[in-house]
Amino acid sequence: MLRHVTAPERFYTQVPNEILRHPRLSPHAVRILTWALSLADPSAVSLSEVGLRAGIKKTAYTRAKQELIQEGYFHEWPRQGARGRWVTEQLVSSVPLSAEEAVAVRDGKPPTDDVPTVGEPERRAVGRSQEKNGENIPNPPLPQAERAALALAAVSHGERRLRLSGRDVRALVPLAAEWFARGATLGELRTALTSGLPDVVHSPAGLARNRLVRKMPDPVPALPAAPRPNPPRPCLGGCGRVFRAVADEDCCRDCRQEAAADVSGAVEATRRGIAAVRAALCPRPS
């Protein structure tokens, strides 16, 4: 089989191969899920509307929706509003989520009992996606430990052979945090953990720990400490001010300048006196 692939320059969505090749998702379920993940702003679109746009008939849509629910790619929560009207919050994700993980994503909190979920999406009415698009405002920098936990969770969700439990992630956080403290990027950490994996990984946590330790980048060289400034001292020039000396001077700048001016005046007066003495002792011939 030959293949010709041209990378799109814009308007594309990254979809994991595990979705495209999922053994239990029907083509209709895959089409609905990838369509929903491709939406730039899913906040005002429900999954049923996605099914209509994708051309899926009602019966096939119902079956596909159940498949997505069973595999953890779709979650919804009906609730009654303040005026008694029922609304439904919906969540689609590019990775399978347990019920607890989905609730944590919905509430904008990382789960505590399992793998931390990447991203902190804001509250939306329906059709919220797990991942943020490029038009969102970037988050402020995260602390190293939290950044490490999210990075490990992202690697775990993206590479099924490195599926880590919440306990595994918490145990590996110090090592991953040290990577970031030494200047490593998320891409470098992901490459170190996932490149050249065997077909079957019997101990994902053990392999991840081994690679984090063995491939740890060198520490960032410490910058020389800046010299501490001299403590303030009273000026001995008579002005009564306090100044901070640069070296070992005893007077402030103004007093030094005045002293220099006085010395210059004294030197000039001395020169004039010497010239007058010489003129008196050695009169010019008439």
Protein backbone atom coordinates (compact mmCIF):
# COMPACT_ATOMS: atom_id res chain seq x y z
CA MET A 1 0.00 0.00 0.00
CA LEU A 2 1.33 3.38 -1.00
CA ARG A 3 0.60 6.53 0.98
CA HIS A 4 0.75 10.22 0.14
CA VAL A 5 0.28 12.64 3.05
CA THR A 6 0.46 16.43 2.91
CA ALA A 7 0.66 18.21 6.26
CA PRO A 8 -2.05 20.88 6.52
CA GLU A 9 -0.92 24.43 7.12
CA ARG A 10 -3.99 25.42 9.15
CA PHE A 11 -7.41 24.24 10.33
CA TYR A 12 -6.35 20.83 11.59
CA THR A 13 -6.77 18.83 14.80
CA GLN A 14 -4.35 16.36 16.38
CA VAL A 15 -6.18 13.11 17.10
CA PRO A 16 -4.49 10.20 18.95
CA ASN A 17 -4.09 7.01 16.96
CA GLU A 18 -5.83 5.11 19.74
CA ILE A 19 -9.04 6.92 18.77
CA LEU A 20 -8.71 6.34 15.03
CA ARG A 21 -7.82 2.66 15.58
CA HIS A 22 -10.03 2.00 18.61
CA PRO A 23 -11.26 -1.61 18.45
CA ARG A 24 -14.57 -0.87 20.22
CA LEU A 25 -15.56 2.47 18.69
CA SER A 26 -17.68 2.35 15.56
CA PRO A 27 -16.93 4.66 12.61
CA HIS A 28 -19.88 6.82 13.68
CA ALA A 29 -18.49 7.18 17.21
CA VAL A 30 -15.04 8.05 15.89
CA ARG A 31 -16.52 10.62 13.49
CA ILE A 32 -18.60 12.28 16.22
CA LEU A 33 -15.68 12.37 18.67
CA THR A 34 -13.13 13.75 16.20
CA TRP A 35 -15.67 16.31 14.96
CA ALA A 36 -16.33 17.48 18.52
CA LEU A 37 -12.60 17.70 19.29
CA SER A 38 -12.05 19.80 16.16
CA LEU A 39 -14.46 22.55 17.23
CA ALA A 40 -12.69 25.81 18.00
CA ASP A 41 -15.40 26.85 20.47
CA PRO A 42 -17.55 23.94 21.65
CA SER A 43 -19.23 25.88 24.47
CA ALA A 44 -22.53 26.41 22.60
CA VAL A 45 -22.68 23.07 20.78
CA SER A 46 -24.09 19.84 22.20
CA LEU A 47 -23.06 16.36 21.16
CA SER A 48 -26.39 15.80 19.42
CA GLU A 49 -25.78 18.90 17.31
CA VAL A 50 -22.36 17.53 16.42
CA GLY A 51 -24.07 14.31 15.30
CA LEU A 52 -26.42 16.28 13.06
CA ARG A 53 -23.56 18.26 11.54
CA ALA A 54 -21.65 15.02 10.94
CA GLY A 55 -24.64 13.52 9.14
CA ILE A 56 -25.24 10.74 11.69
CA LYS A 57 -28.80 9.41 11.87
CA LYS A 58 -30.64 9.27 15.19
CA THR A 59 -30.31 5.54 15.82
CA ALA A 60 -26.65 5.46 14.86
CA TYR A 61 -26.03 8.58 16.96
CA THR A 62 -27.60 6.97 20.05
CA ARG A 63 -25.44 3.87 19.64
CA ALA A 64 -22.29 5.94 19.02
CA LYS A 65 -22.98 8.10 22.08
CA GLN A 66 -23.24 5.01 24.29
CA GLU A 67 -19.94 3.73 22.92
CA LEU A 68 -18.23 7.04 23.77
CA ILE A 69 -19.69 6.95 27.27
CA GLN A 70 -18.60 3.35 27.86
CA GLU A 71 -15.05 4.06 26.68
CA GLY A 72 -14.74 7.24 28.78
CA TYR A 73 -14.52 9.79 25.97
CA PHE A 74 -17.86 11.47 26.76
CA HIS A 75 -19.49 12.48 30.05
CA GLU A 76 -22.61 14.52 30.79
CA TRP A 77 -24.37 15.82 33.90
CA PRO A 78 -28.03 16.95 33.80
CA ARG A 79 -28.86 19.63 36.37
CA GLN A 80 -31.76 21.89 37.16
CA GLY A 81 -31.19 25.61 36.93
CA ALA A 82 -32.37 28.33 39.30
CA ARG A 83 -35.65 28.77 37.39
CA GLY A 84 -36.38 25.06 37.26
CA ARG A 85 -35.13 24.58 33.71
CA TRP A 86 -33.02 21.51 33.07
CA VAL A 87 -29.67 21.89 31.31
CA THR A 88 -26.93 19.37 30.58
CA GLU A 89 -23.22 19.90 30.95
CA GLN A 90 -21.18 17.81 28.54
CA LEU A 91 -17.49 16.97 28.31
CA VAL A 92 -15.57 15.35 25.44
CA SER A 93 -11.92 14.42 25.84
CA SER A 94 -9.13 13.12 23.65
CA VAL A 95 -8.24 10.51 26.28
CA PRO A 96 -10.47 8.15 28.30
CA LEU A 97 -11.49 9.64 31.65
CA SER A 98 -13.02 7.91 34.64
CA ALA A 99 -16.10 9.42 36.25
CA GLU A 100 -13.93 10.97 38.97
CA GLU A 101 -11.45 12.40 36.47
CA ALA A 102 -14.29 13.84 34.37
CA VAL A 103 -15.82 15.56 37.42
CA ALA A 104 -12.40 16.98 38.30
CA VAL A 105 -12.02 18.37 34.76
CA ARG A 106 -15.54 19.79 34.89
CA ASP A 107 -14.82 21.54 38.19
CA GLY A 108 -11.39 22.75 37.08
CA LYS A 109 -9.48 20.71 39.68
CA PRO A 110 -6.89 17.96 39.20
CA PRO A 111 -8.13 14.58 40.49
CA THR A 112 -6.58 13.37 43.75
CA ASP A 113 -7.00 9.60 43.51
CA ASP A 114 -5.80 8.99 39.98
CA VAL A 115 -3.68 10.54 37.28
CA PRO A 116 -3.84 14.37 37.40
CA THR A 117 -5.74 15.77 34.43
CA VAL A 118 -3.97 18.22 32.16
CA GLY A 119 -5.45 21.71 31.87
CA GLU A 120 -7.87 23.76 33.93
CA PRO A 121 -10.83 24.58 31.65
CA GLU A 122 -13.31 27.15 32.83
CA ARG A 123 -16.95 26.35 33.55
CA ARG A 124 -19.09 26.10 30.40
CA ALA A 125 -22.65 25.11 29.77
CA VAL A 126 -22.22 22.24 27.26
CA GLY A 127 -19.70 20.57 24.98
CA ARG A 128 -16.57 21.60 26.79
CA SER A 129 -13.33 20.14 25.48
CA GLN A 130 -10.55 18.96 27.73
CA GLU A 131 -7.79 20.67 25.78
CA LYS A 132 -7.48 24.42 25.25
CA ASN A 133 -7.01 25.84 21.79
CA GLY A 134 -4.41 28.37 20.69
CA GLU A 135 -6.77 31.32 21.04
CA ASN A 136 -7.06 31.01 24.82
CA ILE A 137 -5.07 33.24 27.15
CA PRO A 138 -2.04 31.30 28.42
CA ASN A 139 -1.97 30.29 32.06
CA PRO A 140 0.54 31.85 34.47
CA PRO A 141 3.66 29.78 35.14
CA LEU A 142 2.98 26.77 37.34
CA PRO A 143 5.08 25.69 40.34
CA GLN A 144 7.62 23.02 39.44
CA ALA A 145 5.84 20.19 41.30
CA GLU A 146 2.45 20.94 39.74
CA ARG A 147 4.03 21.35 36.32
CA ALA A 148 5.77 18.00 36.76
CA ALA A 149 2.53 16.24 37.76
CA LEU A 150 0.68 17.61 34.76
CA ALA A 151 3.55 16.68 32.43
CA LEU A 152 3.62 13.09 33.70
CA ALA A 153 -0.16 12.86 33.34
CA ALA A 154 0.06 14.14 29.76
CA VAL A 155 2.70 11.56 28.88
CA SER A 156 0.66 8.81 30.57
CA HIS A 157 -2.51 9.74 28.67
CA GLY A 158 -0.71 10.12 25.36
CA GLU A 159 1.29 6.89 25.52
CA ARG A 160 -0.73 3.88 26.65
CA ARG A 161 2.41 1.81 27.28
CA LEU A 162 3.33 4.30 30.03
CA ARG A 163 -0.03 4.34 31.79
CA LEU A 164 0.69 5.60 35.33
CA SER A 165 -1.53 5.51 38.38
CA GLY A 166 -1.99 8.48 40.67
CA ARG A 167 0.43 6.91 43.15
CA ASP A 168 3.01 6.42 40.38
CA VAL A 169 2.70 10.06 39.34
CA ARG A 170 3.13 11.34 42.89
CA ALA A 171 6.22 9.17 43.35
CA LEU A 172 7.79 10.42 40.10
CA VAL A 173 6.96 14.12 40.58
CA PRO A 174 10.25 15.00 42.38
CA LEU A 175 12.32 13.58 39.52
CA ALA A 176 10.26 15.32 36.82
CA ALA A 177 10.34 18.57 38.81
CA GLU A 178 14.14 18.34 38.94
CA TRP A 179 14.14 18.09 35.12
CA PHE A 180 12.28 21.39 34.89
CA ALA A 181 14.48 22.95 37.57
CA ARG A 182 17.45 22.11 35.35
CA GLY A 183 15.90 23.91 32.39
CA ALA A 184 14.32 20.98 30.50
CA THR A 185 11.21 21.58 28.40
CA LEU A 186 8.04 19.50 28.32
CA GLY A 187 9.00 18.21 24.87
CA GLU A 188 12.41 17.06 26.10
CA LEU A 189 10.83 15.27 29.06
CA ARG A 190 8.25 13.57 26.83
CA THR A 191 10.89 12.47 24.32
CA ALA A 192 13.08 11.02 27.06
CA LEU A 193 10.17 8.97 28.42
CA THR A 194 8.59 7.77 25.18
CA SER A 195 11.34 7.40 22.56
CA GLY A 196 12.26 3.84 21.68
CA LEU A 197 9.75 2.13 23.95
CA PRO A 198 9.45 -1.66 23.69
CA ASP A 199 6.21 -3.08 22.36
CA VAL A 200 5.23 -4.24 25.85
CA VAL A 201 6.14 -2.35 29.02
CA HIS A 202 5.69 -4.56 32.07
CA SER A 203 6.43 -1.83 34.64
CA PRO A 204 5.59 1.66 33.32
CA ALA A 205 6.50 3.34 36.61
CA GLY A 206 9.83 1.51 36.84
CA LEU A 207 10.75 2.33 33.26
CA ALA A 208 9.78 5.98 33.71
CA ARG A 209 11.86 6.23 36.90
CA ASN A 210 14.86 4.62 35.22
CA ARG A 211 14.72 7.03 32.28
CA LEU A 212 14.15 10.08 34.46
CA VAL A 213 17.24 9.21 36.51
CA ARG A 214 19.47 7.95 33.70
CA LYS A 215 18.68 10.78 31.25
CA MET A 216 18.57 13.58 33.82
CA PRO A 217 20.02 16.75 32.22
CA ASP A 218 23.05 18.39 33.76
CA PRO A 219 22.41 21.01 36.44
CA VAL A 220 22.24 24.61 35.34
CA PRO A 221 25.57 26.32 36.24
CA ALA A 222 25.11 28.64 39.17
CA LEU A 223 25.64 32.31 38.39
CA PRO A 224 28.27 34.08 40.51
CA ALA A 225 26.71 35.91 43.38
CA ALA A 226 26.58 39.67 43.00
CA PRO A 227 28.89 41.48 45.43
CA ARG A 228 27.11 42.79 48.47
CA PRO A 229 27.05 46.61 48.69
CA ASN A 230 28.98 48.29 51.47
CA PRO A 231 26.93 49.34 54.50
CA PRO A 232 26.05 53.03 54.85
CA ARG A 233 28.62 55.15 56.74
CA PRO A 234 28.73 58.76 57.96
CA CYS A 235 30.58 61.23 55.76
CA LEU A 236 33.80 62.52 57.33
CA GLY A 237 33.87 65.57 55.10
CA GLY A 238 31.82 67.66 57.49
CA CYS A 239 28.45 67.64 55.69
CA GLY A 240 26.84 65.37 58.27
CA ARG A 241 25.28 63.08 55.65
CA VAL A 242 25.32 59.29 55.44
CA PHE A 243 26.52 57.69 52.19
CA ARG A 244 27.28 54.22 50.80
CA ALA A 245 30.94 53.91 49.83
CA VAL A 246 31.85 52.24 46.55
CA ALA A 247 35.36 51.31 47.69
CA ASP A 248 37.11 52.64 50.83
CA GLU A 249 36.37 56.37 50.53
CA ASP A 250 35.51 58.22 53.74
CA CYS A 251 33.65 61.18 52.24
CA CYS A 252 30.60 61.50 50.06
CA ARG A 253 30.88 62.57 46.43
CA ASP A 254 29.99 66.20 47.07
CA CYS A 255 32.57 66.56 49.81
CA ARG A 256 35.21 64.89 47.65
CA GLN A 257 34.44 67.27 44.79
CA GLU A 258 34.65 70.29 47.14
CA ALA A 259 37.93 68.98 48.56
CA ALA A 260 39.29 68.49 45.06
CA ALA A 261 38.28 72.07 44.17
CA ASP A 262 39.97 73.41 47.31
CA VAL A 263 43.14 71.47 46.51
CA SER A 264 43.14 72.81 42.97
CA GLY A 265 42.73 76.36 44.26
CA ALA A 266 45.53 75.89 46.78
CA VAL A 267 47.83 74.46 44.13
CA GLU A 268 47.10 77.37 41.81
CA ALA A 269 47.75 79.88 44.62
CA THR A 270 51.02 78.15 45.44
CA ARG A 271 52.06 78.32 41.82
CA ARG A 272 51.33 82.03 41.71
CA GLY A 273 53.32 82.59 44.94
CA ILE A 274 56.34 80.70 43.62
CA ALA A 275 56.21 82.71 40.41
CA ALA A 276 56.12 85.96 42.42
CA VAL A 277 59.12 84.91 44.53
CA ARG A 278 61.11 84.00 41.48
CA ALA A 279 60.30 87.34 39.88
CA ALA A 280 61.46 89.20 43.01
CA LEU A 281 64.69 87.24 43.33
CA CYS A 282 65.55 87.36 39.67
CA PRO A 283 64.56 90.78 38.35
CA ARG A 284 64.59 91.14 34.63
CA PRO A 285 67.48 93.24 33.22
CA SER A 286 66.44 96.71 32.20
